[in-house]
């Protein structure tokens, strides 16, 4: 298998597990605070990562790699809190679509400046993938729902934060994937706990552990697949394919909750498949 094909395959696995993580987190957020779900998942997955690294006696990478991962984990967790805030302000479909698009767009721009333009097939694939992300993520707002400028600004800011995290995680993974995951998770836990301390969630502090553990575990596995994909090929290819993760969430919602995807989302999934095919060459 070519490096591009391997990166595309790992990217799809990352998108699938990230989609499952969001589904579990969304399911848990219906019963408890989304921040508590996130915090519990990050803490449990951190303990698991530390145990794995210590049991396997993995060599600790250089400080720079750990710092890249820590910065990515910290600012990514803050971006997640900003994203939740943006969604709570209305226009959820448009806000989520803008966030998803920016998440992929930032690494694409970075890689264009860093490595230059890819081949024709990859260029078309990247454009197709960005269009697919928009279609998959965007669902029309309910009648009467507003589109406050602040929500869109926060959503775009969160997307930029997620995109920067993807760039930093690629750099960190060069020193060792598991320690990069662990360092990023340590910083992420600190960030989420700070957010919880500054703005304590309203409602009961119970009923979030199971969803949190499932969501956090799948998120960690998704990060693992993404880091592996980013090491096998171009950053922009890995980032765009991984950013198609809302498709996994939509499919799980359709299977388990009988929530039918919109025609727009089905079209986006079709474009996503075409984009993956183009990016595999």
Protein backbone atom coordinates (compact mmCIF):
# COMPACT_ATOMS: atom_id res chain seq x y z
CA UNK A 1 0.00 0.00 0.00
CA UNK A 2 1.31 3.47 -0.86
CA UNK A 3 1.97 5.98 1.91
CA UNK A 4 -0.96 8.07 0.64
CA UNK A 5 -3.26 5.05 0.73
CA UNK A 6 -2.07 4.13 4.22
CA UNK A 7 -2.56 7.69 5.45
CA UNK A 8 -6.06 7.77 3.94
CA UNK A 9 -6.95 4.46 5.61
CA UNK A 10 -5.72 5.59 9.01
CA UNK A 11 -7.50 8.91 8.50
CA UNK A 12 -10.77 7.08 7.93
CA UNK A 13 -10.23 5.05 11.10
CA UNK A 14 -9.57 8.28 12.97
CA UNK A 15 -12.72 9.87 11.55
CA UNK A 16 -14.78 6.79 12.50
CA UNK A 17 -13.54 6.72 16.11
CA UNK A 18 -13.82 10.49 16.54
CA UNK A 19 -17.37 10.24 15.20
CA UNK A 20 -18.12 7.54 17.76
CA UNK A 21 -16.59 9.70 20.48
CA UNK A 22 -18.81 12.64 19.59
CA UNK A 23 -21.86 10.38 19.50
CA UNK A 24 -21.09 9.02 22.98
CA UNK A 25 -20.37 12.51 24.27
CA UNK A 26 -23.58 13.89 22.78
CA UNK A 27 -25.57 11.01 24.23
CA UNK A 28 -24.05 11.67 27.64
CA UNK A 29 -24.66 15.42 27.37
CA UNK A 30 -28.40 14.71 27.21
CA UNK A 31 -28.17 13.44 30.78
CA UNK A 32 -25.34 15.48 32.31
CA UNK A 33 -23.09 18.46 31.63
CA UNK A 34 -21.01 18.11 28.47
CA UNK A 35 -18.03 19.54 30.34
CA UNK A 36 -18.30 16.85 33.01
CA UNK A 37 -18.56 14.18 30.32
CA UNK A 38 -15.44 15.57 28.66
CA UNK A 39 -13.50 15.96 31.90
CA UNK A 40 -14.21 12.41 33.06
CA UNK A 41 -13.23 10.98 29.68
CA UNK A 42 -9.98 12.93 29.61
CA UNK A 43 -9.03 11.89 33.15
CA UNK A 44 -9.71 8.18 32.64
CA UNK A 45 -7.94 8.07 29.28
CA UNK A 46 -4.96 9.90 30.79
CA UNK A 47 -4.61 7.26 33.52
CA UNK A 48 -4.77 4.52 30.87
CA UNK A 49 -2.11 6.22 28.73
CA UNK A 50 0.22 6.71 31.69
CA UNK A 51 -0.15 3.05 32.64
CA UNK A 52 0.61 1.89 29.08
CA UNK A 53 3.69 4.10 28.79
CA UNK A 54 5.04 2.94 32.15
CA UNK A 55 4.31 -0.75 31.60
CA UNK A 56 5.93 -0.70 28.15
CA UNK A 57 8.81 1.39 29.53
CA UNK A 58 8.72 3.65 26.53
CA UNK A 59 11.60 6.07 26.21
CA UNK A 60 10.56 9.64 26.98
CA UNK A 61 11.03 11.81 23.86
CA UNK A 62 12.78 15.16 23.73
CA UNK A 63 11.32 18.12 25.56
CA UNK A 64 10.29 19.89 22.37
CA UNK A 65 8.00 17.02 21.33
CA UNK A 66 6.34 16.95 24.74
CA UNK A 67 5.88 20.72 24.64
CA UNK A 68 4.24 20.57 21.19
CA UNK A 69 1.83 17.92 22.48
CA UNK A 70 1.12 19.80 25.71
CA UNK A 71 0.35 23.06 23.91
CA UNK A 72 -1.89 21.18 21.48
CA UNK A 73 -3.72 19.37 24.27
CA UNK A 74 -4.23 22.54 26.32
CA UNK A 75 -5.42 24.84 23.55
CA UNK A 76 -7.50 22.04 22.00
CA UNK A 77 -9.36 21.56 25.28
CA UNK A 78 -10.00 25.30 25.53
CA UNK A 79 -11.22 25.27 21.93
CA UNK A 80 -13.64 22.50 22.87
CA UNK A 81 -15.08 24.62 25.68
CA UNK A 82 -15.41 27.57 23.28
CA UNK A 83 -17.14 25.29 20.76
CA UNK A 84 -19.68 24.15 23.36
CA UNK A 85 -20.32 27.79 24.24
CA UNK A 86 -20.85 28.66 20.58
CA UNK A 87 -23.34 25.83 20.12
CA UNK A 88 -25.33 26.99 23.14
CA UNK A 89 -25.85 30.42 21.55
CA UNK A 90 -27.96 29.22 18.61
CA UNK A 91 -27.50 28.41 14.91
CA UNK A 92 -25.96 25.08 15.85
CA UNK A 93 -25.89 23.69 12.32
CA UNK A 94 -24.13 26.68 10.77
CA UNK A 95 -21.77 27.05 13.74
CA UNK A 96 -20.76 23.36 13.68
CA UNK A 97 -20.21 23.49 9.92
CA UNK A 98 -18.01 26.57 10.20
CA UNK A 99 -16.01 24.95 13.00
CA UNK A 100 -15.50 21.76 11.01
CA UNK A 101 -14.44 23.66 7.92
CA UNK A 102 -11.90 25.77 9.84
CA UNK A 103 -10.53 22.66 11.57
CA UNK A 104 -9.52 21.24 8.18
CA UNK A 105 -8.73 24.56 6.48
CA UNK A 106 -6.02 25.67 8.93
CA UNK A 107 -3.79 22.57 8.41
CA UNK A 108 -4.37 22.78 4.64
CA UNK A 109 -3.09 26.37 4.52
CA UNK A 110 -0.18 25.52 6.83
CA UNK A 111 0.89 22.58 4.68
CA UNK A 112 0.64 24.60 1.46
CA UNK A 113 3.15 27.09 2.86
CA UNK A 114 5.29 24.37 4.46
CA UNK A 115 5.41 21.74 1.68
CA UNK A 116 3.97 23.46 -1.37
CA UNK A 117 1.05 22.43 -3.57
CA UNK A 118 0.28 18.71 -3.77
CA UNK A 119 -0.41 16.91 -7.05
CA UNK A 120 -3.49 17.57 -9.14
CA UNK A 121 -5.42 14.60 -7.75
CA UNK A 122 -4.68 15.59 -4.17
CA UNK A 123 -5.58 19.23 -4.82
CA UNK A 124 -8.97 18.24 -6.22
CA UNK A 125 -9.37 15.78 -3.34
CA UNK A 126 -8.67 18.47 -0.74
CA UNK A 127 -11.20 20.84 -2.30
CA UNK A 128 -13.76 18.05 -2.52
CA UNK A 129 -13.06 17.05 1.08
CA UNK A 130 -13.58 20.60 2.39
CA UNK A 131 -16.90 20.78 0.54
CA UNK A 132 -17.88 17.40 1.99
CA UNK A 133 -17.06 18.55 5.54
CA UNK A 134 -19.32 21.59 5.10
CA UNK A 135 -22.23 19.55 3.75
CA UNK A 136 -21.92 16.82 6.39
CA UNK A 137 -21.59 19.22 9.32
CA UNK A 138 -24.24 21.75 8.31
CA UNK A 139 -27.88 21.13 9.02
CA UNK A 140 -30.45 23.90 8.45
CA UNK A 141 -31.35 25.79 11.60
CA UNK A 142 -34.79 25.35 13.01
CA UNK A 143 -37.35 27.93 12.07
CA UNK A 144 -36.92 31.03 14.17
CA UNK A 145 -33.38 30.19 15.22
CA UNK A 146 -31.02 33.10 14.97
CA UNK A 147 -27.47 33.27 13.68
CA UNK A 148 -25.74 35.54 16.21
CA UNK A 149 -22.44 36.89 14.93
CA UNK A 150 -20.77 36.07 18.23
CA UNK A 151 -21.70 32.38 17.94
CA UNK A 152 -20.18 32.20 14.46
CA UNK A 153 -17.07 34.03 15.66
CA UNK A 154 -16.65 31.64 18.57
CA UNK A 155 -17.28 28.66 16.28
CA UNK A 156 -14.63 29.86 13.84
CA UNK A 157 -12.21 30.46 16.73
CA UNK A 158 -12.81 26.93 18.02
CA UNK A 159 -12.16 25.54 14.53
CA UNK A 160 -8.88 27.45 14.31
CA UNK A 161 -7.94 26.02 17.72
CA UNK A 162 -8.73 22.47 16.58
CA UNK A 163 -6.75 23.02 13.37
CA UNK A 164 -3.72 24.29 15.27
CA UNK A 165 -3.99 21.24 17.53
CA UNK A 166 -3.75 18.95 14.49
CA UNK A 167 -0.58 20.77 13.38
CA UNK A 168 1.00 20.51 16.83
CA UNK A 169 0.05 16.85 17.24
CA UNK A 170 1.76 15.98 13.95
CA UNK A 171 4.94 17.69 15.15
CA UNK A 172 4.73 15.96 18.54
CA UNK A 173 4.11 12.50 17.08
CA UNK A 174 7.56 12.53 15.44
CA UNK A 175 9.04 11.94 18.91
CA UNK A 176 6.76 9.04 19.83
CA UNK A 177 3.01 8.70 19.44
CA UNK A 178 2.07 7.32 22.86
CA UNK A 179 4.05 9.87 24.86
CA UNK A 180 2.68 12.62 22.62
CA UNK A 181 -0.83 11.41 23.40
CA UNK A 182 -0.03 11.32 27.12
CA UNK A 183 1.52 14.79 27.23
CA UNK A 184 -1.38 16.24 25.27
CA UNK A 185 -3.90 14.56 27.55
CA UNK A 186 -2.18 15.87 30.71
CA UNK A 187 -2.45 19.42 29.41
CA UNK A 188 -6.01 18.80 28.24
CA UNK A 189 -7.08 17.60 31.67
CA UNK A 190 -5.56 20.71 33.28
CA UNK A 191 -7.37 22.96 30.80
CA UNK A 192 -10.77 21.27 31.23
CA UNK A 193 -10.49 21.31 35.04
CA UNK A 194 -9.68 25.02 34.90
CA UNK A 195 -12.77 25.62 32.76
CA UNK A 196 -14.92 23.60 35.18
CA UNK A 197 -13.48 25.56 38.14
CA UNK A 198 -14.06 28.96 36.51
CA UNK A 199 -17.51 28.13 35.12
CA UNK A 200 -18.98 25.20 37.13
CA UNK A 201 -21.57 23.24 35.14
CA UNK A 202 -25.17 23.65 36.15
CA UNK A 203 -27.30 20.66 37.04
CA UNK A 204 -26.51 17.37 38.79
CA UNK A 205 -22.91 16.13 39.01
CA UNK A 206 -23.74 12.52 38.29
CA UNK A 207 -24.56 10.18 35.44
CA UNK A 208 -21.66 11.25 33.22
CA UNK A 209 -18.96 8.65 33.86
CA UNK A 210 -20.00 5.91 31.42
CA UNK A 211 -20.48 8.29 28.49
CA UNK A 212 -17.29 10.09 29.47
CA UNK A 213 -15.18 6.93 29.54
CA UNK A 214 -16.52 5.75 26.16
CA UNK A 215 -16.12 9.17 24.59
CA UNK A 216 -12.64 9.74 26.03
CA UNK A 217 -11.42 6.29 25.01
CA UNK A 218 -12.63 6.67 21.42
CA UNK A 219 -11.20 10.18 21.24
CA UNK A 220 -7.80 8.86 22.35
CA UNK A 221 -7.88 6.08 19.75
CA UNK A 222 -8.89 8.64 17.12
CA UNK A 223 -5.93 10.83 18.11
CA UNK A 224 -3.68 7.79 17.80
CA UNK A 225 -4.88 7.01 14.27
CA UNK A 226 -4.58 10.68 13.29
CA UNK A 227 -0.99 10.94 14.53
CA UNK A 228 -0.07 7.76 12.67
CA UNK A 229 -1.76 9.06 9.50
CA UNK A 230 0.01 12.41 9.77
CA UNK A 231 3.39 10.64 9.94
CA UNK A 232 2.73 8.63 6.76
CA UNK A 233 1.94 11.51 4.42
CA UNK A 234 1.02 15.15 4.09
CA UNK A 235 -0.61 16.93 7.00
CA UNK A 236 -3.39 18.41 4.86
CA UNK A 237 -4.47 15.00 3.56
CA UNK A 238 -4.64 13.50 7.06
CA UNK A 239 -6.40 16.56 8.49
CA UNK A 240 -9.11 16.74 5.82
CA UNK A 241 -9.94 13.02 5.97
CA UNK A 242 -9.97 12.96 9.78
CA UNK A 243 -12.18 16.06 9.84
CA UNK A 244 -14.93 14.07 8.14
CA UNK A 245 -15.72 12.53 11.54
CA UNK A 246 -19.26 14.05 11.73
CA UNK A 247 -20.26 11.42 9.18
CA UNK A 248 -19.59 8.72 11.77
CA UNK A 249 -21.69 10.54 14.35
CA UNK A 250 -24.56 10.90 11.86
CA UNK A 251 -24.43 7.22 10.87
CA UNK A 252 -24.46 6.08 14.50
CA UNK A 253 -27.38 8.40 15.25
CA UNK A 254 -29.24 6.91 12.30
CA UNK A 255 -28.56 3.32 13.35
CA UNK A 256 -29.01 3.60 17.12
CA UNK A 257 -31.39 6.56 17.48
CA UNK A 258 -33.18 6.32 14.11
CA UNK A 259 -32.29 9.92 13.30
CA UNK A 260 -32.32 10.19 9.52
CA UNK A 261 -29.57 12.24 7.86
CA UNK A 262 -30.64 15.11 5.63
CA UNK A 263 -30.23 14.99 1.86
CA UNK A 264 -27.44 17.53 2.23
CA UNK A 265 -25.58 15.25 4.65
CA UNK A 266 -26.02 12.22 2.39
CA UNK A 267 -24.60 14.23 -0.50
CA UNK A 268 -21.70 15.26 1.74
CA UNK A 269 -20.96 11.63 2.58
CA UNK A 270 -20.88 10.81 -1.12
CA UNK A 271 -18.44 13.66 -1.72
CA UNK A 272 -16.37 12.44 1.24
CA UNK A 273 -15.95 9.02 -0.37
CA UNK A 274 -14.88 10.67 -3.63
CA UNK A 275 -12.41 12.87 -1.75
CA UNK A 276 -10.86 9.90 0.06
CA UNK A 277 -10.45 8.11 -3.27
CA UNK A 278 -8.68 11.12 -4.78
CA UNK A 279 -6.47 11.61 -1.73
CA UNK A 280 -5.44 7.95 -1.70
CA UNK A 281 -3.36 8.33 -4.88
